Amino acid sequence: MTFDYLHTQRLRLRKITDEDYLSILTRCSDDELMNLLGIKSDTDIALERQKAKKGFVTHNKSYLMFHVLEKDTVRNIGWCGYHTWYIDHRRAEIGYALRGDEYKAKGIMTEVMSAVLEYGFEEMNLHRIEAFIGPQNLPSIKLVEKFGFTKEGQLRDHYCRNGVFEDSVVYALLQQEWKTLI
């Protein structure tokens, strides 16, 4: 399987489409999945396969992810991408995570977001990129604000984590706003 990559100063971002991801989950062994996706446990592998069975793509909705790889070691240290992409409306929800605390507070996600936002606006022709963030997630809030996202409000009981409903703060960045930042 061949992949497209974005390159930053310290990182390689491996582009994974919904078709790529389904192929990886069905054709790779558990050990290969752990290495390729940066997954650390059998439970997490089972969870990824369960999500895939539900389907990633519906009418007018898709997703596109980038695995964050260290340039030198090619170790998968996180992900960033558009997990809810409404094609006809030219908008998508961005999501991101690093796989360990040792990678945090080093500017890695700032480097990643710069490349992924550019890809979203330039290659995917997005008009609007949204972020839904837990109100207590200050590092994530600071990250999107660094890129000019505007806080638009708060959704009550918007997200369910471990059976507990949590609010989400809504942020958005429009293509014309992003163009003034670059």
N, C-alpha and C. Protein backbone atom coordinates (compact mmCIF):
# COMPACT_ATOMS: atom_id res chain seq x y z
N MET A 1 0.84 -1.17 0.00
CA MET A 1 0.00 0.00 0.00
C MET A 1 0.90 1.24 0.00
N THR A 2 0.59 2.18 -0.85
CA THR A 2 1.35 3.42 -0.90
C THR A 2 0.54 4.55 -0.29
N PHE A 3 1.25 5.49 0.34
CA PHE A 3 0.60 6.60 1.01
C PHE A 3 1.16 7.92 0.50
N ASP A 4 0.33 8.95 0.57
CA ASP A 4 0.79 10.31 0.33
C ASP A 4 1.23 10.89 1.66
N TYR A 5 2.17 11.81 1.62
CA TYR A 5 2.70 12.43 2.84
C TYR A 5 2.74 13.94 2.71
N LEU A 6 2.56 14.60 3.83
CA LEU A 6 2.91 16.01 3.99
C LEU A 6 4.17 16.01 4.83
N HIS A 7 5.04 16.98 4.60
CA HIS A 7 6.29 17.04 5.36
C HIS A 7 6.38 18.38 6.08
N THR A 8 6.79 18.32 7.33
CA THR A 8 7.08 19.52 8.10
C THR A 8 8.55 19.44 8.52
N GLN A 9 8.98 20.40 9.29
CA GLN A 9 10.39 20.43 9.69
C GLN A 9 10.82 19.15 10.42
N ARG A 10 9.99 18.69 11.37
CA ARG A 10 10.37 17.54 12.19
C ARG A 10 9.56 16.28 11.93
N LEU A 11 8.51 16.39 11.09
CA LEU A 11 7.53 15.32 11.02
C LEU A 11 7.17 14.95 9.58
N ARG A 12 6.63 13.74 9.47
CA ARG A 12 5.98 13.28 8.24
C ARG A 12 4.53 13.01 8.60
N LEU A 13 3.62 13.50 7.79
CA LEU A 13 2.20 13.28 8.03
C LEU A 13 1.68 12.35 6.94
N ARG A 14 1.34 11.12 7.35
CA ARG A 14 0.89 10.10 6.41
C ARG A 14 -0.62 10.23 6.21
N LYS A 15 -1.02 10.51 4.99
CA LYS A 15 -2.44 10.70 4.66
C LYS A 15 -3.14 9.35 4.61
N ILE A 16 -4.26 9.27 5.32
CA ILE A 16 -5.07 8.06 5.37
C ILE A 16 -6.50 8.42 5.00
N THR A 17 -6.98 7.89 3.90
CA THR A 17 -8.37 8.10 3.52
C THR A 17 -9.23 7.02 4.18
N ASP A 18 -10.53 7.15 4.06
CA ASP A 18 -11.42 6.14 4.63
C ASP A 18 -11.18 4.77 3.98
N GLU A 19 -10.93 4.74 2.67
CA GLU A 19 -10.66 3.47 1.99
C GLU A 19 -9.35 2.85 2.48
N ASP A 20 -8.32 3.70 2.66
CA ASP A 20 -7.03 3.21 3.18
C ASP A 20 -7.23 2.58 4.55
N TYR A 21 -7.97 3.28 5.41
CA TYR A 21 -8.13 2.83 6.79
C TYR A 21 -8.86 1.49 6.85
N LEU A 22 -9.92 1.37 6.08
CA LEU A 22 -10.65 0.09 6.05
C LEU A 22 -9.76 -1.04 5.54
N SER A 23 -8.95 -0.75 4.54
CA SER A 23 -8.04 -1.76 4.00
C SER A 23 -7.01 -2.17 5.05
N ILE A 24 -6.46 -1.20 5.75
CA ILE A 24 -5.47 -1.49 6.80
C ILE A 24 -6.09 -2.36 7.89
N LEU A 25 -7.28 -2.00 8.34
CA LEU A 25 -7.92 -2.73 9.44
C LEU A 25 -8.30 -4.15 9.06
N THR A 26 -8.58 -4.38 7.80
CA THR A 26 -9.00 -5.73 7.40
C THR A 26 -7.83 -6.60 6.95
N ARG A 27 -6.74 -6.00 6.47
CA ARG A 27 -5.64 -6.79 5.89
C ARG A 27 -4.44 -6.95 6.81
N CYS A 28 -4.29 -6.10 7.81
CA CYS A 28 -3.09 -6.15 8.65
C CYS A 28 -3.30 -7.00 9.89
N SER A 29 -2.22 -7.62 10.34
CA SER A 29 -2.26 -8.37 11.60
C SER A 29 -2.30 -7.37 12.76
N ASP A 30 -2.59 -7.88 13.96
CA ASP A 30 -2.62 -7.02 15.14
C ASP A 30 -1.27 -6.34 15.37
N ASP A 31 -0.19 -7.08 15.20
CA ASP A 31 1.14 -6.49 15.38
C ASP A 31 1.41 -5.39 14.36
N GLU A 32 1.00 -5.63 13.11
CA GLU A 32 1.17 -4.61 12.07
C GLU A 32 0.34 -3.37 12.39
N LEU A 33 -0.88 -3.57 12.89
CA LEU A 33 -1.73 -2.43 13.26
C LEU A 33 -1.12 -1.62 14.39
N MET A 34 -0.57 -2.30 15.37
CA MET A 34 0.05 -1.59 16.49
C MET A 34 1.19 -0.71 15.98
N ASN A 35 1.99 -1.24 15.06
CA ASN A 35 3.11 -0.48 14.52
C ASN A 35 2.64 0.64 13.59
N LEU A 36 1.77 0.32 12.67
CA LEU A 36 1.34 1.28 11.65
C LEU A 36 0.50 2.41 12.24
N LEU A 37 -0.43 2.07 13.14
CA LEU A 37 -1.35 3.07 13.68
C LEU A 37 -0.91 3.65 15.02
N GLY A 38 0.13 3.08 15.61
CA GLY A 38 0.57 3.57 16.91
C GLY A 38 -0.34 3.14 18.05
N ILE A 39 -1.11 2.09 17.81
CA ILE A 39 -2.04 1.58 18.83
C ILE A 39 -1.25 0.71 19.80
N LYS A 40 -1.58 0.81 21.09
CA LYS A 40 -0.76 0.14 22.11
C LYS A 40 -1.38 -1.10 22.73
N SER A 41 -2.68 -1.37 22.46
CA SER A 41 -3.29 -2.52 23.14
C SER A 41 -4.25 -3.26 22.22
N ASP A 42 -4.50 -4.53 22.56
CA ASP A 42 -5.47 -5.33 21.83
C ASP A 42 -6.87 -4.74 21.93
N THR A 43 -7.18 -4.16 23.08
CA THR A 43 -8.49 -3.53 23.29
C THR A 43 -8.70 -2.39 22.31
N ASP A 44 -7.66 -1.56 22.12
CA ASP A 44 -7.76 -0.43 21.20
C ASP A 44 -7.88 -0.90 19.75
N ILE A 45 -7.21 -2.00 19.41
CA ILE A 45 -7.34 -2.56 18.06
C ILE A 45 -8.78 -3.01 17.83
N ALA A 46 -9.34 -3.71 18.80
CA ALA A 46 -10.73 -4.16 18.68
C ALA A 46 -11.68 -2.98 18.53
N LEU A 47 -11.43 -1.90 19.27
CA LEU A 47 -12.26 -0.70 19.18
C LEU A 47 -12.18 -0.09 17.79
N GLU A 48 -10.99 0.00 17.20
CA GLU A 48 -10.84 0.55 15.86
C GLU A 48 -11.57 -0.31 14.83
N ARG A 49 -11.47 -1.62 14.97
CA ARG A 49 -12.17 -2.50 14.03
C ARG A 49 -13.68 -2.38 14.19
N GLN A 50 -14.15 -2.20 15.41
CA GLN A 50 -15.58 -2.02 15.65
C GLN A 50 -16.07 -0.73 15.00
N LYS A 51 -15.31 0.36 15.15
CA LYS A 51 -15.69 1.63 14.51
C LYS A 51 -15.76 1.47 13.00
N ALA A 52 -14.83 0.73 12.43
CA ALA A 52 -14.79 0.54 10.98
C ALA A 52 -16.02 -0.21 10.49
N LYS A 53 -16.50 -1.17 11.26
CA LYS A 53 -17.69 -1.93 10.87
C LYS A 53 -18.92 -1.03 10.78
N LYS A 54 -18.96 0.02 11.59
CA LYS A 54 -20.10 0.95 11.56
C LYS A 54 -20.07 1.81 10.31
N GLY A 55 -18.90 1.95 9.71
CA GLY A 55 -18.77 2.74 8.48
C GLY A 55 -18.30 4.15 8.76
N PHE A 56 -17.42 4.63 7.92
CA PHE A 56 -16.89 5.98 8.06
C PHE A 56 -17.56 6.97 7.13
N VAL A 57 -18.11 6.48 6.03
CA VAL A 57 -18.60 7.36 4.99
C VAL A 57 -20.10 7.15 4.81
N THR A 58 -20.81 8.25 4.69
CA THR A 58 -22.23 8.22 4.36
C THR A 58 -22.44 9.22 3.24
N HIS A 59 -23.66 9.38 2.80
CA HIS A 59 -23.96 10.36 1.76
C HIS A 59 -23.49 11.74 2.20
N ASN A 60 -22.67 12.36 1.39
CA ASN A 60 -22.18 13.73 1.62
C ASN A 60 -21.29 13.87 2.84
N LYS A 61 -20.76 12.80 3.37
CA LYS A 61 -19.92 12.90 4.56
C LYS A 61 -18.76 11.92 4.44
N SER A 62 -17.57 12.39 4.76
CA SER A 62 -16.38 11.55 4.66
C SER A 62 -15.41 11.96 5.76
N TYR A 63 -14.20 11.40 5.70
CA TYR A 63 -13.15 11.83 6.62
C TYR A 63 -11.80 11.63 5.97
N LEU A 64 -10.82 12.34 6.52
CA LEU A 64 -9.45 12.24 6.04
C LEU A 64 -8.54 12.49 7.23
N MET A 65 -7.63 11.57 7.49
CA MET A 65 -6.72 11.68 8.64
C MET A 65 -5.27 11.68 8.18
N PHE A 66 -4.44 12.22 9.05
CA PHE A 66 -3.00 12.15 8.87
C PHE A 66 -2.40 11.54 10.12
N HIS A 67 -1.61 10.48 9.95
CA HIS A 67 -0.84 9.94 11.07
C HIS A 67 0.40 10.81 11.23
N VAL A 68 0.71 11.18 12.45
CA VAL A 68 1.88 12.01 12.74
C VAL A 68 3.05 11.08 13.02
N LEU A 69 4.07 11.15 12.18
CA LEU A 69 5.23 10.28 12.29
C LEU A 69 6.48 11.12 12.56
N GLU A 70 7.32 10.64 13.48
CA GLU A 70 8.62 11.27 13.65
C GLU A 70 9.40 11.09 12.35
N LYS A 71 10.05 12.13 11.89
CA LYS A 71 10.73 12.06 10.59
C LYS A 71 11.85 11.02 10.59
N ASP A 72 12.63 10.97 11.66
CA ASP A 72 13.79 10.07 11.70
C ASP A 72 13.42 8.62 11.97
N THR A 73 12.56 8.39 12.97
CA THR A 73 12.24 7.02 13.38
C THR A 73 11.00 6.45 12.68
N VAL A 74 10.18 7.30 12.09
CA VAL A 74 8.90 6.96 11.48
C VAL A 74 7.93 6.37 12.52
N ARG A 75 8.19 6.64 13.79
CA ARG A 75 7.30 6.20 14.87
C ARG A 75 6.01 7.02 14.81
N ASN A 76 4.86 6.34 14.91
CA ASN A 76 3.56 7.00 14.92
C ASN A 76 3.34 7.60 16.31
N ILE A 77 3.28 8.95 16.37
CA ILE A 77 3.14 9.61 17.67
C ILE A 77 1.80 10.33 17.84
N GLY A 78 0.93 10.23 16.84
CA GLY A 78 -0.37 10.88 16.98
C GLY A 78 -1.11 10.93 15.66
N TRP A 79 -2.14 11.75 15.64
CA TRP A 79 -2.96 11.91 14.44
C TRP A 79 -3.57 13.31 14.43
N CYS A 80 -3.96 13.72 13.24
CA CYS A 80 -4.67 14.98 13.06
C CYS A 80 -5.42 14.88 11.75
N GLY A 81 -6.64 15.36 11.73
CA GLY A 81 -7.37 15.30 10.47
C GLY A 81 -8.81 15.71 10.62
N TYR A 82 -9.56 15.40 9.59
CA TYR A 82 -10.95 15.82 9.48
C TYR A 82 -11.85 14.59 9.60
N HIS A 83 -12.39 14.38 10.80
CA HIS A 83 -13.18 13.18 11.01
C HIS A 83 -14.65 13.37 10.70
N THR A 84 -15.09 14.58 10.45
CA THR A 84 -16.44 14.83 9.98
C THR A 84 -16.32 15.87 8.87
N TRP A 85 -16.39 15.41 7.63
CA TRP A 85 -16.21 16.27 6.48
C TRP A 85 -17.49 16.24 5.65
N TYR A 86 -18.21 17.37 5.65
CA TYR A 86 -19.42 17.52 4.86
C TYR A 86 -19.02 18.11 3.52
N ILE A 87 -18.90 17.25 2.54
CA ILE A 87 -18.33 17.61 1.25
C ILE A 87 -19.12 18.72 0.57
N ASP A 88 -20.44 18.57 0.47
CA ASP A 88 -21.26 19.56 -0.23
C ASP A 88 -21.25 20.92 0.46
N HIS A 89 -21.07 20.92 1.76
CA HIS A 89 -21.10 22.18 2.51
C HIS A 89 -19.72 22.79 2.70
N ARG A 90 -18.70 22.09 2.24
CA ARG A 90 -17.31 22.56 2.31
C ARG A 90 -16.90 22.91 3.75
N ARG A 91 -17.31 22.05 4.68
CA ARG A 91 -16.89 22.23 6.07
C ARG A 91 -16.52 20.89 6.66
N ALA A 92 -15.63 20.95 7.66
CA ALA A 92 -15.18 19.72 8.31
C ALA A 92 -14.81 20.03 9.75
N GLU A 93 -14.91 19.00 10.59
CA GLU A 93 -14.49 19.10 11.99
C GLU A 93 -13.08 18.54 12.10
N ILE A 94 -12.20 19.31 12.69
CA ILE A 94 -10.82 18.87 12.87
C ILE A 94 -10.68 18.20 14.24
N GLY A 95 -9.86 17.19 14.28
CA GLY A 95 -9.54 16.52 15.53
C GLY A 95 -8.05 16.20 15.53
N TYR A 96 -7.50 15.98 16.71
CA TYR A 96 -6.06 15.74 16.82
C TYR A 96 -5.74 15.16 18.18
N ALA A 97 -4.65 14.43 18.24
CA ALA A 97 -4.19 13.88 19.52
C ALA A 97 -2.75 13.41 19.36
N LEU A 98 -2.02 13.48 20.45
CA LEU A 98 -0.69 12.89 20.52
C LEU A 98 -0.79 11.65 21.39
N ARG A 99 0.02 10.65 21.10
CA ARG A 99 -0.10 9.34 21.75
C ARG A 99 0.59 9.23 23.10
N GLY A 100 1.26 10.26 23.56
CA GLY A 100 1.92 10.18 24.86
C GLY A 100 2.30 11.55 25.37
N ASP A 101 2.37 11.67 26.69
CA ASP A 101 2.72 12.94 27.31
C ASP A 101 4.12 13.42 26.92
N GLU A 102 5.00 12.48 26.58
CA GLU A 102 6.36 12.86 26.22
C GLU A 102 6.42 13.70 24.95
N TYR A 103 5.35 13.73 24.16
CA TYR A 103 5.33 14.51 22.93
C TYR A 103 4.64 15.87 23.11
N LYS A 104 4.02 16.08 24.25
CA LYS A 104 3.25 17.30 24.48
C LYS A 104 4.15 18.45 24.90
N ALA A 105 3.66 19.68 24.68
CA ALA A 105 4.35 20.93 25.07
C ALA A 105 5.70 21.08 24.36
N LYS A 106 5.78 20.57 23.13
CA LYS A 106 7.01 20.69 22.34
C LYS A 106 6.75 21.35 20.99
N GLY A 107 5.54 21.88 20.80
CA GLY A 107 5.21 22.53 19.54
C GLY A 107 4.88 21.58 18.41
N ILE A 108 4.77 20.29 18.71
CA ILE A 108 4.50 19.30 17.67
C ILE A 108 3.13 19.53 17.04
N MET A 109 2.10 19.70 17.85
CA MET A 109 0.77 19.85 17.28
C MET A 109 0.62 21.19 16.56
N THR A 110 1.34 22.20 16.98
CA THR A 110 1.33 23.48 16.25
C THR A 110 1.89 23.25 14.84
N GLU A 111 2.97 22.51 14.75
CA GLU A 111 3.58 22.18 13.46
C GLU A 111 2.62 21.37 12.59
N VAL A 112 1.95 20.41 13.20
CA VAL A 112 1.01 19.55 12.48
C VAL A 112 -0.19 20.35 12.00
N MET A 113 -0.78 21.15 12.89
CA MET A 113 -1.98 21.91 12.55
C MET A 113 -1.74 22.86 11.39
N SER A 114 -0.59 23.47 11.36
CA SER A 114 -0.27 24.40 10.28
C SER A 114 -0.39 23.69 8.93
N ALA A 115 0.20 22.51 8.82
CA ALA A 115 0.16 21.75 7.56
C ALA A 115 -1.24 21.22 7.25
N VAL A 116 -1.95 20.74 8.27
CA VAL A 116 -3.27 20.15 8.05
C VAL A 116 -4.32 21.22 7.74
N LEU A 117 -4.22 22.38 8.35
CA LEU A 117 -5.14 23.47 8.01
C LEU A 117 -4.91 23.92 6.57
N GLU A 118 -3.65 24.08 6.19
CA GLU A 118 -3.34 24.46 4.80
C GLU A 118 -3.90 23.44 3.83
N TYR A 119 -3.72 22.16 4.14
CA TYR A 119 -4.24 21.10 3.28
C TYR A 119 -5.77 21.20 3.19
N GLY A 120 -6.42 21.43 4.32
CA GLY A 120 -7.88 21.53 4.34
C GLY A 120 -8.41 22.66 3.47
N PHE A 121 -7.81 23.83 3.61
CA PHE A 121 -8.29 24.97 2.84
C PHE A 121 -7.84 24.93 1.38
N GLU A 122 -6.62 24.50 1.12
CA GLU A 122 -6.08 24.54 -0.24
C GLU A 122 -6.44 23.30 -1.06
N GLU A 123 -6.30 22.10 -0.50
CA GLU A 123 -6.50 20.87 -1.26
C GLU A 123 -7.94 20.35 -1.19
N MET A 124 -8.56 20.47 -0.02
CA MET A 124 -9.93 19.98 0.15
C MET A 124 -10.96 21.05 -0.18
N ASN A 125 -10.48 22.28 -0.40
CA ASN A 125 -11.33 23.43 -0.71
C ASN A 125 -12.38 23.68 0.37
N LEU A 126 -11.98 23.52 1.64
CA LEU A 126 -12.91 23.79 2.73
C LEU A 126 -13.15 25.28 2.86
N HIS A 127 -14.36 25.62 3.23
CA HIS A 127 -14.72 27.00 3.53
C HIS A 127 -14.66 27.25 5.04
N ARG A 128 -14.95 26.20 5.82
CA ARG A 128 -15.06 26.33 7.28
C ARG A 128 -14.47 25.08 7.92
N ILE A 129 -13.63 25.30 8.95
CA ILE A 129 -13.11 24.21 9.75
C ILE A 129 -13.56 24.44 11.19
N GLU A 130 -14.17 23.40 11.76
CA GLU A 130 -14.73 23.50 13.11
C GLU A 130 -13.92 22.65 14.08
N ALA A 131 -13.92 23.08 15.34
CA ALA A 131 -13.31 22.30 16.42
C ALA A 131 -14.27 22.31 17.59
N PHE A 132 -14.53 21.14 18.15
CA PHE A 132 -15.38 20.99 19.34
C PHE A 132 -14.47 20.53 20.46
N ILE A 133 -14.34 21.34 21.50
CA ILE A 133 -13.34 21.11 22.54
C ILE A 133 -13.99 21.14 23.91
N GLY A 134 -13.59 20.22 24.78
CA GLY A 134 -14.06 20.24 26.17
C GLY A 134 -13.64 21.55 26.84
N PRO A 135 -14.52 22.16 27.61
CA PRO A 135 -14.21 23.47 28.22
C PRO A 135 -12.97 23.47 29.11
N GLN A 136 -12.59 22.33 29.66
CA GLN A 136 -11.42 22.25 30.53
C GLN A 136 -10.13 21.93 29.76
N ASN A 137 -10.23 21.69 28.47
CA ASN A 137 -9.07 21.31 27.68
C ASN A 137 -8.33 22.57 27.21
N LEU A 138 -7.65 23.21 28.15
CA LEU A 138 -6.97 24.48 27.87
C LEU A 138 -5.88 24.38 26.81
N PRO A 139 -5.05 23.32 26.79
CA PRO A 139 -4.05 23.24 25.71
C PRO A 139 -4.68 23.23 24.32
N SER A 140 -5.79 22.53 24.16
CA SER A 140 -6.46 22.48 22.86
C SER A 140 -7.08 23.83 22.51
N ILE A 141 -7.67 24.48 23.49
CA ILE A 141 -8.24 25.81 23.26
C ILE A 141 -7.15 26.79 22.84
N LYS A 142 -6.01 26.77 23.52
CA LYS A 142 -4.90 27.65 23.16
C LYS A 142 -4.40 27.36 21.75
N LEU A 143 -4.38 26.08 21.38
CA LEU A 143 -3.91 25.71 20.05
C LEU A 143 -4.79 26.31 18.96
N VAL A 144 -6.10 26.12 19.05
CA VAL A 144 -6.96 26.65 17.98
C VAL A 144 -6.98 28.17 17.98
N GLU A 145 -6.92 28.78 19.16
CA GLU A 145 -6.88 30.24 19.21
C GLU A 145 -5.59 30.77 18.58
N LYS A 146 -4.50 30.05 18.70
CA LYS A 146 -3.22 30.43 18.07
C LYS A 146 -3.38 30.53 16.55
N PHE A 147 -4.27 29.71 16.00
CA PHE A 147 -4.49 29.69 14.56
C PHE A 147 -5.66 30.57 14.13
N GLY A 148 -6.18 31.38 15.03
CA GLY A 148 -7.21 32.34 14.66
C GLY A 148 -8.63 31.82 14.69
N PHE A 149 -8.85 30.64 15.25
CA PHE A 149 -10.22 30.14 15.38
C PHE A 149 -11.02 31.07 16.30
N THR A 150 -12.29 31.25 15.99
CA THR A 150 -13.19 32.09 16.77
C THR A 150 -14.10 31.22 17.62
N LYS A 151 -14.21 31.57 18.90
CA LYS A 151 -15.15 30.86 19.78
C LYS A 151 -16.56 31.29 19.41
N GLU A 152 -17.42 30.30 19.13
CA GLU A 152 -18.78 30.59 18.70
C GLU A 152 -19.84 30.25 19.73
N GLY A 153 -19.49 29.48 20.73
CA GLY A 153 -20.48 29.13 21.74
C GLY A 153 -20.15 27.81 22.41
N GLN A 154 -21.11 27.33 23.18
CA GLN A 154 -20.93 26.08 23.92
C GLN A 154 -22.16 25.21 23.74
N LEU A 155 -21.94 23.94 23.41
CA LEU A 155 -23.01 22.97 23.24
C LEU A 155 -23.11 22.13 24.51
N ARG A 156 -24.29 22.09 25.08
CA ARG A 156 -24.48 21.35 26.33
C ARG A 156 -24.64 19.86 26.04
N ASP A 157 -24.00 19.04 26.90
CA ASP A 157 -24.09 17.57 26.79
C ASP A 157 -23.91 17.10 25.35
N HIS A 158 -22.91 17.63 24.69
CA HIS A 158 -22.68 17.38 23.27
C HIS A 158 -21.90 16.10 23.00
N TYR A 159 -21.11 15.67 23.95
CA TYR A 159 -20.18 14.55 23.74
C TYR A 159 -20.31 13.58 24.90
N CYS A 160 -20.32 12.29 24.62
CA CYS A 160 -20.43 11.28 25.67
C CYS A 160 -19.11 10.51 25.77
N ARG A 161 -18.47 10.61 26.92
CA ARG A 161 -17.21 9.91 27.16
C ARG A 161 -17.38 9.02 28.38
N ASN A 162 -17.17 7.73 28.18
CA ASN A 162 -17.30 6.76 29.28
C ASN A 162 -18.65 6.87 29.98
N GLY A 163 -19.70 7.08 29.20
CA GLY A 163 -21.05 7.14 29.74
C GLY A 163 -21.42 8.46 30.40
N VAL A 164 -20.55 9.44 30.35
CA VAL A 164 -20.80 10.75 30.96
C VAL A 164 -20.89 11.79 29.85
N PHE A 165 -21.96 12.57 29.87
CA PHE A 165 -22.12 13.63 28.87
C PHE A 165 -21.33 14.85 29.28
N GLU A 166 -20.66 15.46 28.27
CA GLU A 166 -19.82 16.63 28.50
C GLU A 166 -20.19 17.71 27.49
N ASP A 167 -19.97 18.95 27.89
CA ASP A 167 -20.17 20.08 26.98
C ASP A 167 -19.01 20.15 25.99
N SER A 168 -19.24 20.85 24.90
CA SER A 168 -18.20 21.16 23.92
C SER A 168 -18.24 22.64 23.62
N VAL A 169 -17.08 23.27 23.61
CA VAL A 169 -16.96 24.64 23.17
C VAL A 169 -16.72 24.59 21.66
N VAL A 170 -17.48 25.40 20.91
CA VAL A 170 -17.40 25.39 19.46
C VAL A 170 -16.47 26.51 18.99
N TYR A 171 -15.49 26.14 18.19
CA TYR A 171 -14.59 27.09 17.54
C TYR A 171 -14.66 26.85 16.05
N ALA A 172 -14.44 27.92 15.26
CA ALA A 172 -14.42 27.77 13.80
C ALA A 172 -13.42 28.75 13.18
N LEU A 173 -12.90 28.34 12.05
CA LEU A 173 -12.00 29.17 11.26
C LEU A 173 -12.51 29.13 9.82
N LEU A 174 -12.75 30.31 9.24
CA LEU A 174 -13.21 30.41 7.87
C LEU A 174 -12.02 30.59 6.93
N GLN A 175 -12.20 30.16 5.69
CA GLN A 175 -11.11 30.21 4.73
C GLN A 175 -10.56 31.63 4.58
N GLN A 176 -11.43 32.64 4.50
CA GLN A 176 -10.92 34.01 4.33
C GLN A 176 -10.19 34.51 5.56
N GLU A 177 -10.53 34.01 6.75
CA GLU A 177 -9.79 34.38 7.97
C GLU A 177 -8.41 33.74 7.96
N TRP A 178 -8.34 32.51 7.54
CA TRP A 178 -7.07 31.80 7.47
C TRP A 178 -6.12 32.48 6.47
N LYS A 179 -6.67 32.93 5.35
CA LYS A 179 -5.85 33.57 4.33
C LYS A 179 -5.17 34.83 4.88
N THR A 180 -5.80 35.52 5.82
CA THR A 180 -5.19 36.72 6.38
C THR A 180 -4.06 36.37 7.36
N LEU A 181 -4.04 35.12 7.84
CA LEU A 181 -3.03 34.70 8.81
C LEU A 181 -1.75 34.18 8.15
N ILE A 182 -1.86 33.73 6.90
CA ILE A 182 -0.67 33.12 6.27
C ILE A 182 0.21 34.14 5.58
